[in-house]
Amino acid sequence: MTVMVLSLQVALPLALIAWVACLPARTSVSFGLQAAGTGAFLFALARVAQWAVPVWWLPWVYGGLWLLAVMAGLVRRRRAAPTRVWDGLAGWAGIGVSVVLLCVGVWYGGRAMMGRSLPEGEVVDIGNPLGPGDYLVGNGGSNRLVNAHIGTLDRRVARFGPWRGQSYALDFFGLGPWGLRARGWRPADPAAYAIFGAELRAPCAGRVVTMQGEMPDFEVPENDQVNRLGNHVILRCGEAEIVFAHMRQSSVTVEPGDRVRVGDLLGQVGNSGASTEPHLHIHAQRPAPQAAPPISGEPLALRIEGRFLVRGDHLSGEPVEPSE
């Protein structure tokens, strides 16, 4: 994973920017393709990749460097001897690479933006469940390119049935100093992650359907693929259920049957269950059929504070006083 992240999210963007800055194409058409292709690819990468690692603001740095590289390329071209033809095999190869980058960027960037559209069907509106802090959406949206959970919508795969309700789930990472999600690249200690121990509060008034609070918080990247929710709370709000998963051991403050108000404390974010590092998993679903697995209900899209959140979006948590 580390090699892939460093290659795709660090080395490749810097190489493309350096290509534009140091080896600008010699004709106006080819340079335009070069700039457009690298720009489209960087945009798509910014929308598709998870930027909790290495850091969320890095695509903005790449955008600024790309703009400077295009300007530097224009300056270098003006100083070079004018040409109206492509410079042999190298020139045609550059055009080919530019066209490929442009096609890939437009396709994946467009698909990522389409993931911002609400899926068909009912949408559940809730308040902000997170306490004080800044949070980054790692998974969220209406297609698989920006939300890995969407895959469980596929009824043809039998093993997805027991957790189909989580198909439109959101995953949140916490952001600490300098926008970093953790103290280190991938520390084993869950307490080193900014979101670990963050407060979870009821985003809607309702009744606690079920809870679990005494499963262990694992060291990263260990996890429990059997008890996938880990410590969790399932809250019935109207006709929908809101599921909070991967909560911290011994932090859950509610019991089945409890009535909660908006802003009531439910517990804290942890690293239990099928969690490869501390994060909040939240989703909405119809109640599961009787005797069926608890998150096998019909999945529902979720809006938080009126926003349909997608990978890369931010959410700020503020102190909340429970409503009367």
C-alpha atoms as a PDB file:
ATOM      1  CA  MET A   1       0.000   0.000   0.000  1.00  0.00           C
ATOM      2  CA  THR A   2       2.791   2.427   0.894  1.00  0.00           C
ATOM      3  CA  VAL A   3       4.556   1.845  -2.422  1.00  0.00           C
ATOM      4  CA  MET A   4       1.312   2.334  -4.366  1.00  0.00           C
ATOM      5  CA  VAL A   5       0.460   5.569  -2.549  1.00  0.00           C
ATOM      6  CA  LEU A   6       3.959   6.978  -3.004  1.00  0.00           C
ATOM      7  CA  SER A   7       3.950   6.012  -6.682  1.00  0.00           C
ATOM      8  CA  LEU A   8       0.475   7.209  -7.675  1.00  0.00           C
ATOM      9  CA  GLN A   9      -0.034  10.131  -5.316  1.00  0.00           C
ATOM     10  CA  VAL A  10       3.495  11.538  -5.054  1.00  0.00           C
ATOM     11  CA  ALA A  11       5.939  10.348  -7.725  1.00  0.00           C
ATOM     12  CA  LEU A  12       3.569  10.320 -10.724  1.00  0.00           C
ATOM     13  CA  PRO A  13       2.058  13.814 -10.181  1.00  0.00           C
ATOM     14  CA  LEU A  14       5.499  15.339  -9.642  1.00  0.00           C
ATOM     15  CA  ALA A  15       6.828  13.611 -12.767  1.00  0.00           C
ATOM     16  CA  LEU A  16       3.952  14.959 -14.879  1.00  0.00           C
ATOM     17  CA  ILE A  17       4.422  18.477 -13.549  1.00  0.00           C
ATOM     18  CA  ALA A  18       8.178  18.296 -14.207  1.00  0.00           C
ATOM     19  CA  TRP A  19       7.476  17.086 -17.756  1.00  0.00           C
ATOM     20  CA  VAL A  20       5.362  20.158 -18.493  1.00  0.00           C
ATOM     21  CA  ALA A  21       7.829  22.543 -16.874  1.00  0.00           C
ATOM     22  CA  CYS A  22      11.084  21.145 -18.245  1.00  0.00           C
ATOM     23  CA  LEU A  23      10.079  19.542 -21.551  1.00  0.00           C
ATOM     24  CA  PRO A  24       7.241  21.614 -22.978  1.00  0.00           C
ATOM     25  CA  ALA A  25       6.006  20.496 -26.386  1.00  0.00           C
ATOM     26  CA  ARG A  26       7.310  22.610 -29.252  1.00  0.00           C
ATOM     27  CA  THR A  27       4.086  23.474 -31.095  1.00  0.00           C
ATOM     28  CA  SER A  28       1.047  25.294 -29.781  1.00  0.00           C
ATOM     29  CA  VAL A  29      -1.265  22.344 -30.442  1.00  0.00           C
ATOM     30  CA  SER A  30       1.000  19.755 -28.822  1.00  0.00           C
ATOM     31  CA  PHE A  31       1.710  21.981 -25.818  1.00  0.00           C
ATOM     32  CA  GLY A  32      -2.012  22.586 -25.398  1.00  0.00           C
ATOM     33  CA  LEU A  33      -2.572  18.829 -25.398  1.00  0.00           C
ATOM     34  CA  GLN A  34       0.282  18.369 -22.935  1.00  0.00           C
ATOM     35  CA  ALA A  35      -1.122  20.947 -20.521  1.00  0.00           C
ATOM     36  CA  ALA A  36      -4.707  19.715 -20.889  1.00  0.00           C
ATOM     37  CA  GLY A  37      -3.760  16.053 -20.519  1.00  0.00           C
ATOM     38  CA  THR A  38      -1.686  16.515 -17.374  1.00  0.00           C
ATOM     39  CA  GLY A  39      -4.246  18.902 -15.896  1.00  0.00           C
ATOM     40  CA  ALA A  40      -7.146  16.514 -16.517  1.00  0.00           C
ATOM     41  CA  PHE A  41      -5.213  13.584 -15.079  1.00  0.00           C
ATOM     42  CA  LEU A  42      -4.255  15.524 -11.928  1.00  0.00           C
ATOM     43  CA  PHE A  43      -7.876  16.614 -11.475  1.00  0.00           C
ATOM     44  CA  ALA A  44      -9.117  13.029 -11.781  1.00  0.00           C
ATOM     45  CA  LEU A  45      -6.476  11.807  -9.344  1.00  0.00           C
ATOM     46  CA  ALA A  46      -7.526  14.503  -6.876  1.00  0.00           C
ATOM     47  CA  ARG A  47     -11.173  13.375  -7.051  1.00  0.00           C
ATOM     48  CA  VAL A  48     -10.663   9.609  -7.145  1.00  0.00           C
ATOM     49  CA  ALA A  49      -7.841   8.923  -4.676  1.00  0.00           C
ATOM     50  CA  GLN A  50      -8.163   8.940  -0.896  1.00  0.00           C
ATOM     51  CA  TRP A  51      -6.030  11.807   0.384  1.00  0.00           C
ATOM     52  CA  ALA A  52      -6.045  10.923   4.060  1.00  0.00           C
ATOM     53  CA  VAL A  53      -2.639   9.477   3.120  1.00  0.00           C
ATOM     54  CA  PRO A  54      -0.386  11.319   2.574  1.00  0.00           C
ATOM     55  CA  VAL A  55      -2.338  14.555   3.296  1.00  0.00           C
ATOM     56  CA  TRP A  56      -5.618  16.103   2.061  1.00  0.00           C
ATOM     57  CA  TRP A  57      -4.191  19.402   0.801  1.00  0.00           C
ATOM     58  CA  LEU A  58      -1.543  17.841  -1.470  1.00  0.00           C
ATOM     59  CA  PRO A  59      -3.780  17.971  -4.613  1.00  0.00           C
ATOM     60  CA  TRP A  60      -4.054  21.733  -4.124  1.00  0.00           C
ATOM     61  CA  VAL A  61      -0.249  21.948  -4.075  1.00  0.00           C
ATOM     62  CA  TYR A  62      -0.119  19.905  -7.261  1.00  0.00           C
ATOM     63  CA  GLY A  63      -2.675  22.205  -8.866  1.00  0.00           C
ATOM     64  CA  GLY A  64      -0.563  25.245  -8.043  1.00  0.00           C
ATOM     65  CA  LEU A  65       2.636  23.589  -9.277  1.00  0.00           C
ATOM     66  CA  TRP A  66       0.893  22.504 -12.493  1.00  0.00           C
ATOM     67  CA  LEU A  67      -0.207  26.085 -13.161  1.00  0.00           C
ATOM     68  CA  LEU A  68       3.343  27.338 -12.560  1.00  0.00           C
ATOM     69  CA  ALA A  69       4.681  24.580 -14.821  1.00  0.00           C
ATOM     70  CA  VAL A  70       2.327  25.590 -17.633  1.00  0.00           C
ATOM     71  CA  MET A  71       3.414  29.208 -17.274  1.00  0.00           C
ATOM     72  CA  ALA A  72       7.085  28.178 -17.235  1.00  0.00           C
ATOM     73  CA  GLY A  73       6.500  26.016 -20.296  1.00  0.00           C
ATOM     74  CA  LEU A  74       4.961  28.937 -22.139  1.00  0.00           C
ATOM     75  CA  VAL A  75       7.977  31.085 -21.305  1.00  0.00           C
ATOM     76  CA  ARG A  76      10.413  28.386 -22.475  1.00  0.00           C
ATOM     77  CA  ARG A  77       8.492  27.964 -25.718  1.00  0.00           C
ATOM     78  CA  ARG A  78       8.572  31.696 -26.448  1.00  0.00           C
ATOM     79  CA  ARG A  79      12.329  31.764 -25.943  1.00  0.00           C
ATOM     80  CA  ALA A  80      12.902  28.708 -28.138  1.00  0.00           C
ATOM     81  CA  ALA A  81      13.166  28.830 -31.903  1.00  0.00           C
ATOM     82  CA  PRO A  82       9.674  28.768 -33.461  1.00  0.00           C
ATOM     83  CA  THR A  83       8.532  25.534 -35.093  1.00  0.00           C
ATOM     84  CA  ARG A  84       5.426  24.480 -36.974  1.00  0.00           C
ATOM     85  CA  VAL A  85       6.047  20.748 -37.103  1.00  0.00           C
ATOM     86  CA  TRP A  86       6.269  18.058 -34.462  1.00  0.00           C
ATOM     87  CA  ASP A  87       9.807  17.071 -33.601  1.00  0.00           C
ATOM     88  CA  GLY A  88      10.030  13.535 -34.930  1.00  0.00           C
ATOM     89  CA  LEU A  89       9.306  10.422 -32.894  1.00  0.00           C
ATOM     90  CA  ALA A  90       9.714  12.180 -29.522  1.00  0.00           C
ATOM     91  CA  GLY A  91       7.149  14.793 -30.499  1.00  0.00           C
ATOM     92  CA  TRP A  92       4.615  12.205 -31.606  1.00  0.00           C
ATOM     93  CA  ALA A  93       5.240  10.139 -28.462  1.00  0.00           C
ATOM     94  CA  GLY A  94       4.553  13.209 -26.333  1.00  0.00           C
ATOM     95  CA  ILE A  95       1.306  13.817 -28.191  1.00  0.00           C
ATOM     96  CA  GLY A  96       0.307  10.195 -27.649  1.00  0.00           C
ATOM     97  CA  VAL A  97       0.997  10.383 -23.922  1.00  0.00           C
ATOM     98  CA  SER A  98      -0.910  13.665 -23.700  1.00  0.00           C
ATOM     99  CA  VAL A  99      -3.959  12.225 -25.461  1.00  0.00           C
ATOM    100  CA  VAL A 100      -3.955   9.160 -23.186  1.00  0.00           C
ATOM    101  CA  LEU A 101      -3.706  11.340 -20.086  1.00  0.00           C
ATOM    102  CA  LEU A 102      -6.520  13.554 -21.357  1.00  0.00           C
ATOM    103  CA  CYS A 103      -8.816  10.603 -22.052  1.00  0.00           C
ATOM    104  CA  VAL A 104      -8.079   8.952 -18.714  1.00  0.00           C
ATOM    105  CA  GLY A 105      -8.509  12.238 -16.862  1.00  0.00           C
ATOM    106  CA  VAL A 106     -11.789  13.147 -18.539  1.00  0.00           C
ATOM    107  CA  TRP A 107     -13.245   9.648 -18.054  1.00  0.00           C
ATOM    108  CA  TYR A 108     -12.294   9.175 -14.402  1.00  0.00           C
ATOM    109  CA  GLY A 109     -12.765  12.809 -13.450  1.00  0.00           C
ATOM    110  CA  GLY A 110     -16.212  12.798 -15.023  1.00  0.00           C
ATOM    111  CA  ARG A 111     -17.162   9.561 -13.273  1.00  0.00           C
ATOM    112  CA  ALA A 112     -15.956  10.933  -9.962  1.00  0.00           C
ATOM    113  CA  MET A 113     -18.077  14.055 -10.402  1.00  0.00           C
ATOM    114  CA  MET A 114     -21.090  11.903 -11.304  1.00  0.00           C
ATOM    115  CA  GLY A 115     -20.637  10.268  -7.910  1.00  0.00           C
ATOM    116  CA  ARG A 116     -21.760  13.555  -6.356  1.00  0.00           C
ATOM    117  CA  SER A 117     -25.298  12.971  -7.633  1.00  0.00           C
ATOM    118  CA  LEU A 118     -27.824  11.542  -5.206  1.00  0.00           C
ATOM    119  CA  PRO A 119     -28.804   7.960  -5.982  1.00  0.00           C
ATOM    120  CA  GLU A 120     -32.375   7.175  -6.827  1.00  0.00           C
ATOM    121  CA  GLY A 121     -34.693   6.450  -3.936  1.00  0.00           C
ATOM    122  CA  GLU A 122     -35.290   7.795  -0.460  1.00  0.00           C
ATOM    123  CA  VAL A 123     -32.754  10.049   1.241  1.00  0.00           C
ATOM    124  CA  VAL A 124     -32.358  10.277   5.019  1.00  0.00           C
ATOM    125  CA  ASP A 125     -31.450  13.686   6.480  1.00  0.00           C
ATOM    126  CA  ILE A 126     -29.595  13.838   9.802  1.00  0.00           C
ATOM    127  CA  GLY A 127     -27.505  16.297  11.770  1.00  0.00           C
ATOM    128  CA  ASN A 128     -23.761  16.176  12.335  1.00  0.00           C
ATOM    129  CA  PRO A 129     -22.879  13.136  14.479  1.00  0.00           C
ATOM    130  CA  LEU A 130     -19.264  14.159  15.112  1.00  0.00           C
ATOM    131  CA  GLY A 131     -17.938  16.172  18.017  1.00  0.00           C
ATOM    132  CA  PRO A 132     -15.352  18.969  17.866  1.00  0.00           C
ATOM    133  CA  GLY A 133     -12.733  18.575  15.155  1.00  0.00           C
ATOM    134  CA  ASP A 134     -12.165  18.480  11.413  1.00  0.00           C
ATOM    135  CA  TYR A 135     -13.025  15.372   9.425  1.00  0.00           C
ATOM    136  CA  LEU A 136     -12.340  14.103   5.901  1.00  0.00           C
ATOM    137  CA  VAL A 137     -14.615  11.793   3.906  1.00  0.00           C
ATOM    138  CA  GLY A 138     -12.651   8.725   2.837  1.00  0.00           C
ATOM    139  CA  ASN A 139     -15.569   6.895   1.222  1.00  0.00           C
ATOM    140  CA  GLY A 140     -18.798   8.529   0.127  1.00  0.00           C
ATOM    141  CA  GLY A 141     -20.821   9.110  -3.009  1.00  0.00           C
ATOM    142  CA  SER A 142     -23.093   7.251  -5.375  1.00  0.00           C
ATOM    143  CA  ASN A 143     -20.670   5.193  -7.452  1.00  0.00           C
ATOM    144  CA  ARG A 144     -17.921   2.719  -6.697  1.00  0.00           C
ATOM    145  CA  LEU A 145     -15.155   4.974  -7.973  1.00  0.00           C
ATOM    146  CA  VAL A 146     -15.536   7.262  -4.940  1.00  0.00           C
ATOM    147  CA  ASN A 147     -17.280   4.907  -2.513  1.00  0.00           C
ATOM    148  CA  ALA A 148     -15.973   1.372  -2.030  1.00  0.00           C
ATOM    149  CA  HIS A 149     -19.157   0.399  -0.172  1.00  0.00           C
ATOM    150  CA  ILE A 150     -21.272   0.630  -3.338  1.00  0.00           C
ATOM    151  CA  GLY A 151     -20.077  -2.809  -4.384  1.00  0.00           C
ATOM    152  CA  THR A 152     -22.412  -4.501  -1.896  1.00  0.00           C
ATOM    153  CA  LEU A 153     -25.423  -3.344  -3.947  1.00  0.00           C
ATOM    154  CA  ASP A 154     -24.679  -6.240  -6.296  1.00  0.00           C
ATOM    155  CA  ARG A 155     -27.279  -8.898  -5.464  1.00  0.00           C
ATOM    156  CA  ARG A 156     -25.447 -11.422  -7.631  1.00  0.00           C
ATOM    157  CA  VAL A 157     -22.751 -11.767  -4.966  1.00  0.00           C
ATOM    158  CA  ALA A 158     -24.273 -13.829  -2.171  1.00  0.00           C
ATOM    159  CA  ARG A 159     -21.676 -12.924   0.449  1.00  0.00           C
ATOM    160  CA  PHE A 160     -22.677  -9.231   0.232  1.00  0.00           C
ATOM    161  CA  GLY A 161     -26.223  -9.966   1.427  1.00  0.00           C
ATOM    162  CA  PRO A 162     -25.571  -9.860   5.205  1.00  0.00           C
ATOM    163  CA  TRP A 163     -24.192  -6.294   5.015  1.00  0.00           C
ATOM    164  CA  ARG A 164     -26.010  -4.873   1.977  1.00  0.00           C
ATOM    165  CA  GLY A 165     -27.510  -2.087   4.121  1.00  0.00           C
ATOM    166  CA  GLN A 166     -24.133  -0.324   4.244  1.00  0.00           C
ATOM    167  CA  SER A 167     -23.962   0.250   0.477  1.00  0.00           C
ATOM    168  CA  TYR A 168     -24.221   4.075   0.721  1.00  0.00           C
ATOM    169  CA  ALA A 169     -22.068   4.313   3.842  1.00  0.00           C
ATOM    170  CA  LEU A 170     -19.711   7.158   4.692  1.00  0.00           C
ATOM    171  CA  ASP A 171     -16.253   6.703   6.217  1.00  0.00           C
ATOM    172  CA  PHE A 172     -14.657   9.607   8.068  1.00  0.00           C
ATOM    173  CA  PHE A 173     -11.015  10.183   8.991  1.00  0.00           C
ATOM    174  CA  GLY A 174      -9.976  12.793  11.528  1.00  0.00           C
ATOM    175  CA  LEU A 175      -7.592  15.640  10.701  1.00  0.00           C
ATOM    176  CA  GLY A 176      -4.995  16.790  13.188  1.00  0.00           C
ATOM    177  CA  PRO A 177      -2.207  19.389  13.001  1.00  0.00           C
ATOM    178  CA  TRP A 178      -1.160  20.295   9.433  1.00  0.00           C
ATOM    179  CA  GLY A 179      -4.125  18.306   8.164  1.00  0.00           C
ATOM    180  CA  LEU A 180      -2.504  14.966   9.029  1.00  0.00           C
ATOM    181  CA  ARG A 181      -4.751  12.065   9.975  1.00  0.00           C
ATOM    182  CA  ALA A 182      -2.163  10.529  12.325  1.00  0.00           C
ATOM    183  CA  ARG A 183       1.162  11.048  14.038  1.00  0.00           C
ATOM    184  CA  GLY A 184       3.236   9.128  11.531  1.00  0.00           C
ATOM    185  CA  TRP A 185       2.657   7.399   8.207  1.00  0.00           C
ATOM    186  CA  ARG A 186       0.717   4.398   9.534  1.00  0.00           C
ATOM    187  CA  PRO A 187       1.329   3.998  13.275  1.00  0.00           C
ATOM    188  CA  ALA A 188       0.178   0.807  14.975  1.00  0.00           C
ATOM    189  CA  ASP A 189      -1.230   2.592  18.042  1.00  0.00           C
ATOM    190  CA  PRO A 190      -4.859   3.584  17.327  1.00  0.00           C
ATOM    191  CA  ALA A 191      -4.510   6.485  19.766  1.00  0.00           C
ATOM    192  CA  ALA A 192      -2.046   8.096  17.318  1.00  0.00           C
ATOM    193  CA  TYR A 193      -4.919   8.791  14.897  1.00  0.00           C
ATOM    194  CA  ALA A 194      -6.727  12.119  15.090  1.00  0.00           C
ATOM    195  CA  ILE A 195     -10.224  10.612  15.054  1.00  0.00           C
ATOM    196  CA  PHE A 196      -9.618   8.037  17.788  1.00  0.00           C
ATOM    197  CA  GLY A 197     -11.713   9.006  20.800  1.00  0.00           C
ATOM    198  CA  ALA A 198     -13.759  11.628  18.919  1.00  0.00           C
ATOM    199  CA  GLU A 199     -17.253  12.078  20.344  1.00  0.00           C
ATOM    200  CA  LEU A 200     -20.248  10.565  18.571  1.00  0.00           C
ATOM    201  CA  ARG A 201     -23.590  12.216  19.199  1.00  0.00           C
ATOM    202  CA  ALA A 202     -27.112  11.340  18.130  1.00  0.00           C
ATOM    203  CA  PRO A 203     -27.803  13.086  14.792  1.00  0.00           C
ATOM    204  CA  CYS A 204     -31.540  12.492  15.138  1.00  0.00           C
ATOM    205  CA  ALA A 205     -34.046  11.738  17.859  1.00  0.00           C
ATOM    206  CA  GLY A 206     -34.900   8.087  18.141  1.00  0.00           C
ATOM    207  CA  ARG A 207     -34.551   4.772  19.940  1.00  0.00           C
ATOM    208  CA  VAL A 208     -31.506   2.550  20.333  1.00  0.00           C
ATOM    209  CA  VAL A 209     -32.185  -0.759  18.585  1.00  0.00           C
ATOM    210  CA  THR A 210     -28.983  -2.549  19.526  1.00  0.00           C
ATOM    211  CA  MET A 211     -25.437  -1.856  20.656  1.00  0.00           C
ATOM    212  CA  GLN A 212     -22.120  -3.535  21.348  1.00  0.00           C
ATOM    213  CA  GLY A 213     -19.440  -1.915  23.425  1.00  0.00           C
ATOM    214  CA  GLU A 214     -16.818  -4.354  24.709  1.00  0.00           C
ATOM    215  CA  MET A 215     -14.950  -5.550  21.633  1.00  0.00           C
ATOM    216  CA  PRO A 216     -11.254  -4.673  21.520  1.00  0.00           C
ATOM    217  CA  ASP A 217      -9.656  -1.817  19.622  1.00  0.00           C
ATOM    218  CA  PHE A 218      -7.048  -3.374  17.365  1.00  0.00           C
ATOM    219  CA  GLU A 219      -3.580  -2.172  16.540  1.00  0.00           C
ATOM    220  CA  VAL A 220      -3.282  -1.063  12.912  1.00  0.00           C
ATOM    221  CA  PRO A 221      -3.748  -2.870  10.501  1.00  0.00           C
ATOM    222  CA  GLU A 222      -5.234  -5.829  12.444  1.00  0.00           C
ATOM    223  CA  ASN A 223      -9.024  -6.177  12.287  1.00  0.00           C
ATOM    224  CA  ASP A 224     -11.936  -8.564  12.843  1.00  0.00           C
ATOM    225  CA  GLN A 225     -13.544  -9.744   9.596  1.00  0.00           C
ATOM    226  CA  VAL A 226     -16.140 -11.816  11.474  1.00  0.00           C
ATOM    227  CA  ASN A 227     -17.590  -9.176  13.802  1.00  0.00           C
ATOM    228  CA  ARG A 228     -17.456  -6.521  11.111  1.00  0.00           C
ATOM    229  CA  LEU A 229     -19.273  -3.713  12.942  1.00  0.00           C
ATOM    230  CA  GLY A 230     -17.162  -4.035  16.067  1.00  0.00           C
ATOM    231  CA  ASN A 231     -18.489  -1.834  18.839  1.00  0.00           C
ATOM    232  CA  HIS A 232     -21.535  -0.135  17.406  1.00  0.00           C
ATOM    233  CA  VAL A 233     -24.873   1.568  17.919  1.00  0.00           C
ATOM    234  CA  ILE A 234     -27.934   1.175  15.697  1.00  0.00           C
ATOM    235  CA  LEU A 235     -30.374   4.030  16.184  1.00  0.00           C
ATOM    236  CA  ARG A 236     -33.966   3.945  14.852  1.00  0.00           C
ATOM    237  CA  CYS A 237     -35.045   7.405  13.700  1.00  0.00           C
ATOM    238  CA  GLY A 238     -38.521   7.322  12.203  1.00  0.00           C
ATOM    239  CA  GLU A 239     -38.602   4.565   9.592  1.00  0.00           C
ATOM    240  CA  ALA A 240     -34.823   4.476   9.067  1.00  0.00           C
ATOM    241  CA  GLU A 241     -31.932   3.088  11.053  1.00  0.00           C
ATOM    242  CA  ILE A 242     -28.632   4.920  11.456  1.00  0.00           C
ATOM    243  CA  VAL A 243     -25.653   2.635  12.057  1.00  0.00           C
ATOM    244  CA  PHE A 244     -22.434   3.753  13.774  1.00  0.00           C
ATOM    245  CA  ALA A 245     -19.596   1.212  13.547  1.00  0.00           C
ATOM    246  CA  HIS A 246     -15.992   0.724  14.757  1.00  0.00           C
ATOM    247  CA  MET A 247     -16.578   2.539  18.044  1.00  0.00           C
ATOM    248  CA  ARG A 248     -14.108   2.593  20.920  1.00  0.00           C
ATOM    249  CA  GLN A 249     -14.133  -0.165  23.491  1.00  0.00           C
ATOM    250  CA  SER A 250     -16.090   0.711  26.675  1.00  0.00           C
ATOM    251  CA  SER A 251     -17.143   4.100  25.266  1.00  0.00           C
ATOM    252  CA  VAL A 252     -20.751   3.327  24.287  1.00  0.00           C
ATOM    253  CA  THR A 253     -23.082   5.189  26.638  1.00  0.00           C
ATOM    254  CA  VAL A 254     -26.503   3.855  25.570  1.00  0.00           C
ATOM    255  CA  GLU A 255     -28.440   0.609  25.921  1.00  0.00           C
ATOM    256  CA  PRO A 256     -31.038  -1.087  23.695  1.00  0.00           C
ATOM    257  CA  GLY A 257     -34.414   0.581  24.141  1.00  0.00           C
ATOM    258  CA  ASP A 258     -32.985   3.929  25.274  1.00  0.00           C
ATOM    259  CA  ARG A 259     -34.605   7.053  23.821  1.00  0.00           C
ATOM    260  CA  VAL A 260     -32.095   9.646  22.686  1.00  0.00           C
ATOM    261  CA  ARG A 261     -32.399  13.280  21.702  1.00  0.00           C
ATOM    262  CA  VAL A 262     -30.413  15.132  19.074  1.00  0.00           C
ATOM    263  CA  GLY A 263     -26.953  15.775  20.517  1.00  0.00           C
ATOM    264  CA  ASP A 264     -27.025  13.029  23.159  1.00  0.00           C
ATOM    265  CA  LEU A 265     -23.663  11.299  23.553  1.00  0.00           C
ATOM    266  CA  LEU A 266     -23.532   7.810  22.026  1.00  0.00           C
ATOM    267  CA  GLY A 267     -19.852   7.024  22.532  1.00  0.00           C
ATOM    268  CA  GLN A 268     -16.522   7.548  20.798  1.00  0.00           C
ATOM    269  CA  VAL A 269     -14.819   6.586  17.549  1.00  0.00           C
ATOM    270  CA  GLY A 270     -12.464   3.627  17.888  1.00  0.00           C
ATOM    271  CA  ASN A 271     -10.833   0.876  15.848  1.00  0.00           C
ATOM    272  CA  SER A 272     -12.910  -2.225  16.476  1.00  0.00           C
ATOM    273  CA  GLY A 273     -14.371  -4.704  14.000  1.00  0.00           C
ATOM    274  CA  ALA A 274     -13.385  -4.740  10.313  1.00  0.00           C
ATOM    275  CA  SER A 275     -11.486  -1.469  10.551  1.00  0.00           C
ATOM    276  CA  THR A 276      -7.971  -1.281   9.145  1.00  0.00           C
ATOM    277  CA  GLU A 277      -7.368   2.006  10.964  1.00  0.00           C
ATOM    278  CA  PRO A 278      -9.466   4.281  13.227  1.00  0.00           C
ATOM    279  CA  HIS A 279     -12.383   5.867  11.387  1.00  0.00           C
ATOM    280  CA  LEU A 280     -16.124   6.362  11.680  1.00  0.00           C
ATOM    281  CA  HIS A 281     -18.391   4.232   9.526  1.00  0.00           C
ATOM    282  CA  ILE A 282     -21.964   5.520   9.338  1.00  0.00           C
ATOM    283  CA  HIS A 283     -24.843   4.493   7.120  1.00  0.00           C
ATOM    284  CA  ALA A 284     -28.628   4.565   6.838  1.00  0.00           C
ATOM    285  CA  GLN A 285     -30.849   1.608   6.014  1.00  0.00           C
ATOM    286  CA  ARG A 286     -34.317   0.214   6.322  1.00  0.00           C
ATOM    287  CA  PRO A 287     -34.663  -2.083   9.347  1.00  0.00           C
ATOM    288  CA  ALA A 288     -33.435  -5.575   8.537  1.00  0.00           C
ATOM    289  CA  PRO A 289     -36.057  -8.331   8.316  1.00  0.00           C
ATOM    290  CA  GLN A 290     -36.674 -10.291  11.497  1.00  0.00           C
ATOM    291  CA  ALA A 291     -33.887 -12.816  12.254  1.00  0.00           C
ATOM    292  CA  ALA A 292     -31.769 -11.393   9.394  1.00  0.00           C
ATOM    293  CA  PRO A 293     -28.273  -9.923   9.934  1.00  0.00           C
ATOM    294  CA  PRO A 294     -28.536  -6.435  11.500  1.00  0.00           C
ATOM    295  CA  ILE A 295     -27.188  -4.475   8.512  1.00  0.00           C
ATOM    296  CA  SER A 296     -28.880  -6.430   5.729  1.00  0.00           C
ATOM    297  CA  GLY A 297     -31.728  -3.924   5.337  1.00  0.00           C
ATOM    298  CA  GLU A 298     -32.403  -1.883   2.215  1.00  0.00           C
ATOM    299  CA  PRO A 299     -29.669   0.785   1.899  1.00  0.00           C
ATOM    300  CA  LEU A 300     -30.655   4.460   1.999  1.00  0.00           C
ATOM    301  CA  ALA A 301     -28.697   7.508   0.888  1.00  0.00           C
ATOM    302  CA  LEU A 302     -27.643   9.813   3.705  1.00  0.00           C
ATOM    303  CA  ARG A 303     -27.383  13.607   3.885  1.00  0.00           C
ATOM    304  CA  ILE A 304     -25.614  15.265   6.798  1.00  0.00           C
ATOM    305  CA  GLU A 305     -26.618  18.861   7.506  1.00  0.00           C
ATOM    306  CA  GLY A 306     -28.190  18.941   4.049  1.00  0.00           C
ATOM    307  CA  ARG A 307     -25.020  17.748   2.273  1.00  0.00           C
ATOM    308  CA  PHE A 308     -24.588  14.553   0.273  1.00  0.00           C
ATOM    309  CA  LEU A 309     -20.949  14.014   1.162  1.00  0.00           C
ATOM    310  CA  VAL A 310     -18.468  12.485  -1.283  1.00  0.00           C
ATOM    311  CA  ARG A 311     -14.878  11.307  -1.010  1.00  0.00           C
ATOM    312  CA  GLY A 312     -12.616  14.272  -0.336  1.00  0.00           C
ATOM    313  CA  ASP A 313     -15.297  16.464   1.278  1.00  0.00           C
ATOM    314  CA  HIS A 314     -14.776  17.941   4.731  1.00  0.00           C
ATOM    315  CA  LEU A 315     -17.039  18.115   7.756  1.00  0.00           C
ATOM    316  CA  SER A 316     -16.438  20.197  10.868  1.00  0.00           C
ATOM    317  CA  GLY A 317     -17.787  19.020  14.195  1.00  0.00           C
ATOM    318  CA  GLU A 318     -18.840  21.521  16.830  1.00  0.00           C
ATOM    319  CA  PRO A 319     -19.769  21.119  20.498  1.00  0.00           C
ATOM    320  CA  VAL A 320     -23.480  20.221  20.722  1.00  0.00           C
ATOM    321  CA  GLU A 321     -25.815  20.708  23.619  1.00  0.00           C
ATOM    322  CA  PRO A 322     -28.511  18.008  23.817  1.00  0.00           C
ATOM    323  CA  SER A 323     -31.929  19.290  22.767  1.00  0.00           C
ATOM    324  CA  GLU A 324     -34.713  19.507  25.294  1.00  0.00           C
END
